[in-house]
Amino acid sequence: MEKIVIDKEFLKDYKFLLLGFENCDAYKIAIEDILDIYCKAEATDKKKSTYRTADGFIKIAARASQTVECFVSRDNLIGTKWDTRLKERLEMLGGAVDILSFSLEDKENHDIDICVPYDPLESVIHGDNEIELSNCPSLELDEDGNMIIAFGKSSKQPKRKDNNYAELITGWKDAFGENEPTVLKVKVNLLESFGEEQNNFTLSFKICNKFRKNYFTELIFMDCRDIVCELYFPEKGECEIVMSKMADGRIYVGLDGLGIEFICTSVLECGYYYNQNKD
């Protein structure tokens, strides 16, 4: 597929840049207000109308970040548009939100779409609250008030690590040495709660991965909250244990295949846990 470099020179044939965010906000910015841009993109279709990039940045002039035309496509406001303050909107949303794509529109209203990495870990819904665990682009202002949005590898936000078991599971290396699988496949024997508030879990299972195939062990999950179970979930069976540390230090855990997920404060290998609680 064709590869292109999108930079300031590339923009000369275009009129507008439409910036789309994960929360459904979209901002139309005049090309003259794009002070700088850089990314390498590869076509994803034969028509060369859609591209994908894994790294880059967009620098927007201060005048545009103060007032731009905004299109909102949520809450039954499809097609609604008004002038709004992009900088204030992003600050209200926590400094930055995930960019899904940006489009370049030429003078004949033809455009190309560039998809930007959006890699949510999980959407966890609890009652009226939705927790989106994902990587976000970094947002900065320079000394003149111009806004720089860096995404992909250029983002300065903390990078999420998935399934880094050796770091997330206390006692992992003592039990499993230097083995660091990218996915932990297991056959579950038992999942039960314990403790005064029944908010700690013991998960007993056999490992399906080659490094310890059929090895029977347990993991202990402490202070579990935000527990979600599918309405009809199997109590036993094969699943993948996925986990990732959140920004607040807690650990998201999903038992993919059993339909169970929760957030806990720590995960311990059973040998380590029992040695610490002999008394």
C-alpha atoms as a PDB file:
ATOM      1  CA  MET A   1       0.000   0.000   0.000  1.00  0.00           C
ATOM      2  CA  GLU A   2       1.086   3.571  -0.678  1.00  0.00           C
ATOM      3  CA  LYS A   3       2.936   5.445   2.057  1.00  0.00           C
ATOM      4  CA  ILE A   4       2.890   9.220   2.424  1.00  0.00           C
ATOM      5  CA  VAL A   5       4.471  11.835   4.677  1.00  0.00           C
ATOM      6  CA  ILE A   6       2.039  14.457   5.931  1.00  0.00           C
ATOM      7  CA  ASP A   7       3.867  17.661   6.786  1.00  0.00           C
ATOM      8  CA  LYS A   8       3.338  21.415   6.370  1.00  0.00           C
ATOM      9  CA  GLU A   9       4.214  21.226   2.662  1.00  0.00           C
ATOM     10  CA  PHE A  10       1.655  18.439   2.149  1.00  0.00           C
ATOM     11  CA  LEU A  11      -1.122  20.712   3.458  1.00  0.00           C
ATOM     12  CA  LYS A  12      -0.803  23.312   0.681  1.00  0.00           C
ATOM     13  CA  ASP A  13      -3.472  21.599  -1.446  1.00  0.00           C
ATOM     14  CA  TYR A  14      -5.990  21.409   1.395  1.00  0.00           C
ATOM     15  CA  LYS A  15      -8.451  23.857   2.937  1.00  0.00           C
ATOM     16  CA  PHE A  16      -9.490  22.387   6.294  1.00  0.00           C
ATOM     17  CA  LEU A  17      -8.337  19.840   8.858  1.00  0.00           C
ATOM     18  CA  LEU A  18     -11.130  18.026  10.706  1.00  0.00           C
ATOM     19  CA  LEU A  19      -9.944  16.660  14.049  1.00  0.00           C
ATOM     20  CA  GLY A  20     -12.073  13.832  15.499  1.00  0.00           C
ATOM     21  CA  PHE A  21     -11.983  12.650  19.094  1.00  0.00           C
ATOM     22  CA  GLU A  22     -13.105   9.440  20.807  1.00  0.00           C
ATOM     23  CA  ASN A  23     -15.829  11.290  22.737  1.00  0.00           C
ATOM     24  CA  CYS A  24     -17.489  12.173  19.387  1.00  0.00           C
ATOM     25  CA  ASP A  25     -16.395  15.827  19.308  1.00  0.00           C
ATOM     26  CA  ALA A  26     -15.038  16.992  15.956  1.00  0.00           C
ATOM     27  CA  TYR A  27     -13.292  20.295  15.237  1.00  0.00           C
ATOM     28  CA  LYS A  28     -12.904  21.943  11.829  1.00  0.00           C
ATOM     29  CA  ILE A  29      -9.728  23.996  11.638  1.00  0.00           C
ATOM     30  CA  ALA A  30      -8.569  26.154   8.733  1.00  0.00           C
ATOM     31  CA  ILE A  31      -5.296  24.957   7.210  1.00  0.00           C
ATOM     32  CA  GLU A  32      -3.672  28.357   7.805  1.00  0.00           C
ATOM     33  CA  ASP A  33      -4.151  27.732  11.537  1.00  0.00           C
ATOM     34  CA  ILE A  34      -2.164  24.486  11.390  1.00  0.00           C
ATOM     35  CA  LEU A  35       1.326  25.765  12.177  1.00  0.00           C
ATOM     36  CA  ASP A  36       3.014  22.390  11.857  1.00  0.00           C
ATOM     37  CA  ILE A  37       2.160  18.740  11.367  1.00  0.00           C
ATOM     38  CA  TYR A  38       4.087  15.544  10.857  1.00  0.00           C
ATOM     39  CA  CYS A  39       3.254  11.896  10.499  1.00  0.00           C
ATOM     40  CA  LYS A  40       3.971   8.991   8.193  1.00  0.00           C
ATOM     41  CA  ALA A  41       0.850   7.219   6.997  1.00  0.00           C
ATOM     42  CA  GLU A  42       0.083   4.097   4.982  1.00  0.00           C
ATOM     43  CA  ALA A  43      -2.980   3.629   2.779  1.00  0.00           C
ATOM     44  CA  THR A  44      -5.507   1.092   4.037  1.00  0.00           C
ATOM     45  CA  ASP A  45      -7.612   0.940   0.865  1.00  0.00           C
ATOM     46  CA  LYS A  46      -6.948   0.799  -2.865  1.00  0.00           C
ATOM     47  CA  LYS A  47      -8.714   4.115  -3.430  1.00  0.00           C
ATOM     48  CA  LYS A  48      -6.055   5.805  -1.260  1.00  0.00           C
ATOM     49  CA  SER A  49      -8.707   7.714   0.668  1.00  0.00           C
ATOM     50  CA  THR A  50      -8.008   6.225   4.087  1.00  0.00           C
ATOM     51  CA  TYR A  51      -4.617   5.991   5.795  1.00  0.00           C
ATOM     52  CA  ARG A  52      -3.277   4.859   9.147  1.00  0.00           C
ATOM     53  CA  THR A  53      -0.483   6.356  11.217  1.00  0.00           C
ATOM     54  CA  ALA A  54       1.204   5.221  14.436  1.00  0.00           C
ATOM     55  CA  ASP A  55       3.075   8.373  15.407  1.00  0.00           C
ATOM     56  CA  GLY A  56       2.943  12.118  14.926  1.00  0.00           C
ATOM     57  CA  PHE A  57       1.866  15.549  16.114  1.00  0.00           C
ATOM     58  CA  ILE A  58      -0.310  18.503  15.125  1.00  0.00           C
ATOM     59  CA  LYS A  59       0.481  22.100  16.148  1.00  0.00           C
ATOM     60  CA  ILE A  60      -2.550  24.409  16.179  1.00  0.00           C
ATOM     61  CA  ALA A  61      -2.290  28.212  16.316  1.00  0.00           C
ATOM     62  CA  ALA A  62      -3.426  29.899  19.524  1.00  0.00           C
ATOM     63  CA  ARG A  63      -6.116  31.836  17.660  1.00  0.00           C
ATOM     64  CA  ALA A  64      -7.687  28.583  16.450  1.00  0.00           C
ATOM     65  CA  SER A  65      -7.416  26.819  19.797  1.00  0.00           C
ATOM     66  CA  GLN A  66      -9.420  29.663  21.326  1.00  0.00           C
ATOM     67  CA  THR A  67     -12.331  29.569  18.877  1.00  0.00           C
ATOM     68  CA  VAL A  68     -13.008  26.930  16.232  1.00  0.00           C
ATOM     69  CA  GLU A  69     -16.074  25.453  14.565  1.00  0.00           C
ATOM     70  CA  CYS A  70     -17.234  22.383  16.481  1.00  0.00           C
ATOM     71  CA  PHE A  71     -19.477  19.587  15.226  1.00  0.00           C
ATOM     72  CA  VAL A  72     -21.057  17.433  17.942  1.00  0.00           C
ATOM     73  CA  SER A  73     -22.427  14.011  17.012  1.00  0.00           C
ATOM     74  CA  ARG A  74     -23.750  12.765  20.337  1.00  0.00           C
ATOM     75  CA  ASP A  75     -26.782  13.396  22.568  1.00  0.00           C
ATOM     76  CA  ASN A  76     -29.034  13.766  19.513  1.00  0.00           C
ATOM     77  CA  LEU A  77     -27.057  16.777  18.300  1.00  0.00           C
ATOM     78  CA  ILE A  78     -25.902  15.279  15.011  1.00  0.00           C
ATOM     79  CA  GLY A  79     -25.204  18.069  12.558  1.00  0.00           C
ATOM     80  CA  THR A  80     -25.242  20.790  15.204  1.00  0.00           C
ATOM     81  CA  LYS A  81     -22.324  23.204  15.051  1.00  0.00           C
ATOM     82  CA  TRP A  82     -21.224  26.312  16.866  1.00  0.00           C
ATOM     83  CA  ASP A  83     -18.105  28.269  17.759  1.00  0.00           C
ATOM     84  CA  THR A  84     -16.416  26.899  20.854  1.00  0.00           C
ATOM     85  CA  ARG A  85     -13.093  27.074  22.614  1.00  0.00           C
ATOM     86  CA  LEU A  86     -11.072  23.983  21.750  1.00  0.00           C
ATOM     87  CA  LYS A  87      -8.440  24.603  24.427  1.00  0.00           C
ATOM     88  CA  GLU A  88     -11.030  25.005  27.195  1.00  0.00           C
ATOM     89  CA  ARG A  89     -12.973  21.984  25.948  1.00  0.00           C
ATOM     90  CA  LEU A  90      -9.906  19.752  26.079  1.00  0.00           C
ATOM     91  CA  GLU A  91      -8.912  21.047  29.505  1.00  0.00           C
ATOM     92  CA  MET A  92     -12.418  20.289  30.771  1.00  0.00           C
ATOM     93  CA  LEU A  93     -12.030  16.738  29.440  1.00  0.00           C
ATOM     94  CA  GLY A  94      -8.869  16.246  31.487  1.00  0.00           C
ATOM     95  CA  GLY A  95      -6.229  17.824  29.266  1.00  0.00           C
ATOM     96  CA  ALA A  96      -6.571  15.469  26.335  1.00  0.00           C
ATOM     97  CA  VAL A  97      -8.823  12.809  24.903  1.00  0.00           C
ATOM     98  CA  ASP A  98      -8.139  10.078  22.419  1.00  0.00           C
ATOM     99  CA  ILE A  99      -7.882  11.157  18.785  1.00  0.00           C
ATOM    100  CA  LEU A 100      -9.623   8.704  16.496  1.00  0.00           C
ATOM    101  CA  SER A 101      -8.706  10.357  13.225  1.00  0.00           C
ATOM    102  CA  PHE A 102      -8.081  13.561  11.364  1.00  0.00           C
ATOM    103  CA  SER A 103      -9.224  14.389   7.851  1.00  0.00           C
ATOM    104  CA  LEU A 104      -7.869  16.784   5.250  1.00  0.00           C
ATOM    105  CA  GLU A 105     -10.441  18.487   3.028  1.00  0.00           C
ATOM    106  CA  ASP A 106      -9.434  20.083  -0.265  1.00  0.00           C
ATOM    107  CA  LYS A 107     -11.083  22.950  -2.144  1.00  0.00           C
ATOM    108  CA  GLU A 108     -13.396  20.552  -4.007  1.00  0.00           C
ATOM    109  CA  ASN A 109     -14.590  19.077  -0.686  1.00  0.00           C
ATOM    110  CA  HIS A 110     -12.750  15.826  -1.345  1.00  0.00           C
ATOM    111  CA  ASP A 111     -10.892  14.517   1.639  1.00  0.00           C
ATOM    112  CA  ILE A 112      -8.541  11.869   2.932  1.00  0.00           C
ATOM    113  CA  ASP A 113      -8.914  10.281   6.353  1.00  0.00           C
ATOM    114  CA  ILE A 114      -5.967   9.410   8.597  1.00  0.00           C
ATOM    115  CA  CYS A 115      -6.760   6.963  11.392  1.00  0.00           C
ATOM    116  CA  VAL A 116      -4.807   7.523  14.600  1.00  0.00           C
ATOM    117  CA  PRO A 117      -4.040   4.762  17.133  1.00  0.00           C
ATOM    118  CA  TYR A 118      -6.825   4.400  19.674  1.00  0.00           C
ATOM    119  CA  ASP A 119      -6.178   1.489  21.948  1.00  0.00           C
ATOM    120  CA  PRO A 120      -8.659   1.199  24.806  1.00  0.00           C
ATOM    121  CA  LEU A 121      -7.994  -1.564  27.281  1.00  0.00           C
ATOM    122  CA  GLU A 122     -11.625  -1.979  28.220  1.00  0.00           C
ATOM    123  CA  SER A 123     -14.860  -0.055  28.645  1.00  0.00           C
ATOM    124  CA  VAL A 124     -16.108  -0.976  32.114  1.00  0.00           C
ATOM    125  CA  ILE A 125     -19.635   0.162  32.883  1.00  0.00           C
ATOM    126  CA  HIS A 126     -20.854   0.276  36.482  1.00  0.00           C
ATOM    127  CA  GLY A 127     -24.321   1.749  36.913  1.00  0.00           C
ATOM    128  CA  ASP A 128     -24.244   5.252  35.484  1.00  0.00           C
ATOM    129  CA  ASN A 129     -20.449   5.427  35.359  1.00  0.00           C
ATOM    130  CA  GLU A 130     -18.224   4.343  32.498  1.00  0.00           C
ATOM    131  CA  ILE A 131     -14.495   3.886  32.996  1.00  0.00           C
ATOM    132  CA  GLU A 132     -12.460   4.062  29.803  1.00  0.00           C
ATOM    133  CA  LEU A 133      -8.962   2.666  30.257  1.00  0.00           C
ATOM    134  CA  SER A 134      -6.883   3.847  27.342  1.00  0.00           C
ATOM    135  CA  ASN A 135      -3.842   5.704  26.078  1.00  0.00           C
ATOM    136  CA  CYS A 136      -4.326   9.403  25.417  1.00  0.00           C
ATOM    137  CA  PRO A 137      -2.354  11.840  23.281  1.00  0.00           C
ATOM    138  CA  SER A 138      -0.393  14.466  25.168  1.00  0.00           C
ATOM    139  CA  LEU A 139      -1.489  18.094  25.041  1.00  0.00           C
ATOM    140  CA  GLU A 140       0.931  20.984  25.524  1.00  0.00           C
ATOM    141  CA  LEU A 141       0.959  24.753  25.049  1.00  0.00           C
ATOM    142  CA  ASP A 142       4.092  26.573  23.900  1.00  0.00           C
ATOM    143  CA  GLU A 143       5.168  30.023  25.087  1.00  0.00           C
ATOM    144  CA  ASP A 144       2.875  31.675  22.515  1.00  0.00           C
ATOM    145  CA  GLY A 145      -0.193  29.692  23.493  1.00  0.00           C
ATOM    146  CA  ASN A 146      -0.108  27.437  20.444  1.00  0.00           C
ATOM    147  CA  MET A 147      -1.455  23.957  21.133  1.00  0.00           C
ATOM    148  CA  ILE A 148       0.588  20.844  20.349  1.00  0.00           C
ATOM    149  CA  ILE A 149      -1.193  17.490  20.286  1.00  0.00           C
ATOM    150  CA  ALA A 150       1.199  14.541  20.065  1.00  0.00           C
ATOM    151  CA  PHE A 151      -0.138  11.028  19.490  1.00  0.00           C
ATOM    152  CA  GLY A 152       1.165   7.491  19.157  1.00  0.00           C
ATOM    153  CA  LYS A 153       4.848   7.063  19.967  1.00  0.00           C
ATOM    154  CA  SER A 154       5.315  10.833  20.262  1.00  0.00           C
ATOM    155  CA  SER A 155       2.777  11.138  23.069  1.00  0.00           C
ATOM    156  CA  LYS A 156       4.309  12.019  26.418  1.00  0.00           C
ATOM    157  CA  GLN A 157       1.493  10.392  28.343  1.00  0.00           C
ATOM    158  CA  PRO A 158       2.432   7.299  30.368  1.00  0.00           C
ATOM    159  CA  LYS A 159       2.333   4.268  28.101  1.00  0.00           C
ATOM    160  CA  ARG A 160       0.019   1.509  29.186  1.00  0.00           C
ATOM    161  CA  LYS A 161       1.556  -1.933  29.617  1.00  0.00           C
ATOM    162  CA  ASP A 162      -0.680  -4.933  29.129  1.00  0.00           C
ATOM    163  CA  ASN A 163      -0.088  -8.322  30.743  1.00  0.00           C
ATOM    164  CA  ASN A 164       3.294  -7.464  32.265  1.00  0.00           C
ATOM    165  CA  TYR A 165       2.705 -10.252  34.781  1.00  0.00           C
ATOM    166  CA  ALA A 166       6.228 -10.245  36.241  1.00  0.00           C
ATOM    167  CA  GLU A 167       5.725  -6.625  37.345  1.00  0.00           C
ATOM    168  CA  LEU A 168       2.073  -6.798  38.368  1.00  0.00           C
ATOM    169  CA  ILE A 169       2.055 -10.126  40.250  1.00  0.00           C
ATOM    170  CA  THR A 170       4.038 -10.058  43.478  1.00  0.00           C
ATOM    171  CA  GLY A 171       6.049 -13.267  43.742  1.00  0.00           C
ATOM    172  CA  TRP A 172       5.895 -14.067  40.015  1.00  0.00           C
ATOM    173  CA  LYS A 173       9.639 -14.432  39.479  1.00  0.00           C
ATOM    174  CA  ASP A 174      10.104 -16.636  42.544  1.00  0.00           C
ATOM    175  CA  ALA A 175       7.484 -19.017  41.177  1.00  0.00           C
ATOM    176  CA  PHE A 176       8.051 -18.787  37.430  1.00  0.00           C
ATOM    177  CA  GLY A 177      11.567 -17.416  36.968  1.00  0.00           C
ATOM    178  CA  GLU A 178      12.208 -15.220  33.961  1.00  0.00           C
ATOM    179  CA  ASN A 179       9.222 -16.471  31.964  1.00  0.00           C
ATOM    180  CA  GLU A 180       7.181 -13.482  30.774  1.00  0.00           C
ATOM    181  CA  PRO A 181       4.265 -14.579  28.573  1.00  0.00           C
ATOM    182  CA  THR A 182       2.318 -11.918  26.707  1.00  0.00           C
ATOM    183  CA  VAL A 183      -0.931 -13.745  27.487  1.00  0.00           C
ATOM    184  CA  LEU A 184      -1.553 -16.096  30.415  1.00  0.00           C
ATOM    185  CA  LYS A 185      -3.880 -18.909  29.320  1.00  0.00           C
ATOM    186  CA  VAL A 186      -5.308 -21.008  32.133  1.00  0.00           C
ATOM    187  CA  LYS A 187      -7.942 -23.628  32.951  1.00  0.00           C
ATOM    188  CA  VAL A 188      -9.833 -22.394  36.001  1.00  0.00           C
ATOM    189  CA  ASN A 189     -10.686 -24.799  38.804  1.00  0.00           C
ATOM    190  CA  LEU A 190     -12.128 -22.403  41.392  1.00  0.00           C
ATOM    191  CA  LEU A 191     -12.781 -18.728  42.005  1.00  0.00           C
ATOM    192  CA  GLU A 192     -13.816 -17.851  45.540  1.00  0.00           C
ATOM    193  CA  SER A 193     -13.918 -14.806  47.788  1.00  0.00           C
ATOM    194  CA  PHE A 194     -12.541 -14.425  51.295  1.00  0.00           C
ATOM    195  CA  GLY A 195     -11.932 -11.795  53.964  1.00  0.00           C
ATOM    196  CA  GLU A 196     -14.244  -9.881  56.272  1.00  0.00           C
ATOM    197  CA  GLU A 197     -15.894  -8.031  53.412  1.00  0.00           C
ATOM    198  CA  GLN A 198     -15.485 -10.919  50.956  1.00  0.00           C
ATOM    199  CA  ASN A 199     -13.644  -8.542  48.613  1.00  0.00           C
ATOM    200  CA  ASN A 200     -10.511 -10.654  48.148  1.00  0.00           C
ATOM    201  CA  PHE A 201     -10.426 -13.411  45.526  1.00  0.00           C
ATOM    202  CA  THR A 202      -8.532 -16.672  45.194  1.00  0.00           C
ATOM    203  CA  LEU A 203      -8.264 -18.012  41.652  1.00  0.00           C
ATOM    204  CA  SER A 204      -7.108 -21.640  41.376  1.00  0.00           C
ATOM    205  CA  PHE A 205      -6.113 -22.880  37.932  1.00  0.00           C
ATOM    206  CA  LYS A 206      -3.818 -24.937  35.733  1.00  0.00           C
ATOM    207  CA  ILE A 207      -1.526 -23.064  33.371  1.00  0.00           C
ATOM    208  CA  CYS A 208      -2.019 -23.837  29.675  1.00  0.00           C
ATOM    209  CA  ASN A 209       1.115 -22.024  28.463  1.00  0.00           C
ATOM    210  CA  LYS A 210       4.089 -24.203  27.511  1.00  0.00           C
ATOM    211  CA  PHE A 211       6.420 -22.741  30.147  1.00  0.00           C
ATOM    212  CA  ARG A 212       4.383 -24.382  32.962  1.00  0.00           C
ATOM    213  CA  LYS A 213       1.789 -26.497  31.167  1.00  0.00           C
ATOM    214  CA  ASN A 214      -0.659 -28.228  33.570  1.00  0.00           C
ATOM    215  CA  TYR A 215       1.061 -26.607  36.575  1.00  0.00           C
ATOM    216  CA  PHE A 216      -1.573 -26.071  39.293  1.00  0.00           C
ATOM    217  CA  THR A 217      -1.344 -22.770  41.147  1.00  0.00           C
ATOM    218  CA  GLU A 218      -3.329 -19.847  42.566  1.00  0.00           C
ATOM    219  CA  LEU A 219      -3.391 -16.095  42.384  1.00  0.00           C
ATOM    220  CA  ILE A 220      -4.675 -13.865  45.173  1.00  0.00           C
ATOM    221  CA  PHE A 221      -6.456 -10.617  44.262  1.00  0.00           C
ATOM    222  CA  MET A 222      -6.707  -8.104  47.102  1.00  0.00           C
ATOM    223  CA  ASP A 223      -9.359  -5.442  47.761  1.00  0.00           C
ATOM    224  CA  CYS A 224     -11.404  -6.092  44.628  1.00  0.00           C
ATOM    225  CA  ARG A 225     -13.882  -3.443  43.517  1.00  0.00           C
ATOM    226  CA  ASP A 226     -16.058  -2.647  40.498  1.00  0.00           C
ATOM    227  CA  ILE A 227     -16.759  -6.323  39.901  1.00  0.00           C
ATOM    228  CA  VAL A 228     -18.581  -7.128  36.671  1.00  0.00           C
ATOM    229  CA  CYS A 229     -19.888 -10.593  35.745  1.00  0.00           C
ATOM    230  CA  GLU A 230     -21.859 -11.628  32.726  1.00  0.00           C
ATOM    231  CA  LEU A 231     -25.394 -12.722  33.579  1.00  0.00           C
ATOM    232  CA  TYR A 232     -24.633 -16.350  32.789  1.00  0.00           C
ATOM    233  CA  PHE A 233     -20.937 -16.977  33.329  1.00  0.00           C
ATOM    234  CA  PRO A 234     -19.233 -20.392  33.608  1.00  0.00           C
ATOM    235  CA  GLU A 235     -17.702 -21.111  37.005  1.00  0.00           C
ATOM    236  CA  LYS A 236     -14.901 -23.125  35.432  1.00  0.00           C
ATOM    237  CA  GLY A 237     -13.209 -23.422  32.070  1.00  0.00           C
ATOM    238  CA  GLU A 238     -10.398 -22.053  29.972  1.00  0.00           C
ATOM    239  CA  CYS A 239      -9.767 -18.358  29.903  1.00  0.00           C
ATOM    240  CA  GLU A 240      -7.064 -15.748  29.440  1.00  0.00           C
ATOM    241  CA  ILE A 241      -6.026 -13.620  32.402  1.00  0.00           C
ATOM    242  CA  VAL A 242      -5.490 -10.062  31.198  1.00  0.00           C
ATOM    243  CA  MET A 243      -4.333  -7.256  33.447  1.00  0.00           C
ATOM    244  CA  SER A 244      -2.973  -3.746  33.314  1.00  0.00           C
ATOM    245  CA  LYS A 245      -2.073  -1.069  35.859  1.00  0.00           C
ATOM    246  CA  MET A 246      -4.315   1.992  35.855  1.00  0.00           C
ATOM    247  CA  ALA A 247      -3.214   5.584  36.306  1.00  0.00           C
ATOM    248  CA  ASP A 248      -4.190   5.536  40.007  1.00  0.00           C
ATOM    249  CA  GLY A 249      -2.002   2.459  40.697  1.00  0.00           C
ATOM    250  CA  ARG A 250      -4.819  -0.073  40.910  1.00  0.00           C
ATOM    251  CA  ILE A 251      -4.875  -3.095  38.605  1.00  0.00           C
ATOM    252  CA  TYR A 252      -7.540  -3.943  36.067  1.00  0.00           C
ATOM    253  CA  VAL A 253      -8.100  -7.721  35.761  1.00  0.00           C
ATOM    254  CA  GLY A 254     -10.190  -9.515  33.168  1.00  0.00           C
ATOM    255  CA  LEU A 255     -10.879 -13.230  33.013  1.00  0.00           C
ATOM    256  CA  ASP A 256     -11.497 -13.316  29.281  1.00  0.00           C
ATOM    257  CA  GLY A 257     -13.608 -16.367  28.567  1.00  0.00           C
ATOM    258  CA  LEU A 258     -15.426 -16.417  31.891  1.00  0.00           C
ATOM    259  CA  GLY A 259     -17.011 -13.008  31.503  1.00  0.00           C
ATOM    260  CA  ILE A 260     -15.579 -11.655  34.759  1.00  0.00           C
ATOM    261  CA  GLU A 261     -13.641  -8.430  35.327  1.00  0.00           C
ATOM    262  CA  PHE A 262     -12.730  -6.271  38.304  1.00  0.00           C
ATOM    263  CA  ILE A 263     -10.213  -3.809  39.684  1.00  0.00           C
ATOM    264  CA  CYS A 264      -7.949  -4.651  42.637  1.00  0.00           C
ATOM    265  CA  THR A 265      -5.132  -3.079  44.625  1.00  0.00           C
ATOM    266  CA  SER A 266      -2.640  -5.950  44.263  1.00  0.00           C
ATOM    267  CA  VAL A 267      -2.149  -9.449  42.831  1.00  0.00           C
ATOM    268  CA  LEU A 268      -0.019 -12.043  44.651  1.00  0.00           C
ATOM    269  CA  GLU A 269       1.228 -15.494  43.686  1.00  0.00           C
ATOM    270  CA  CYS A 270      -0.115 -17.970  46.249  1.00  0.00           C
ATOM    271  CA  GLY A 271       3.288 -19.097  47.584  1.00  0.00           C
ATOM    272  CA  TYR A 272       4.303 -15.523  48.316  1.00  0.00           C
ATOM    273  CA  TYR A 273       0.914 -14.730  49.890  1.00  0.00           C
ATOM    274  CA  TYR A 274       0.907 -17.723  52.219  1.00  0.00           C
ATOM    275  CA  ASN A 275       4.529 -17.116  53.290  1.00  0.00           C
ATOM    276  CA  GLN A 276       3.568 -13.576  54.256  1.00  0.00           C
ATOM    277  CA  ASN A 277       0.517 -14.750  56.212  1.00  0.00           C
ATOM    278  CA  LYS A 278       1.819 -17.803  58.088  1.00  0.00           C
ATOM    279  CA  ASP A 279       0.740 -16.408  61.417  1.00  0.00           C
END
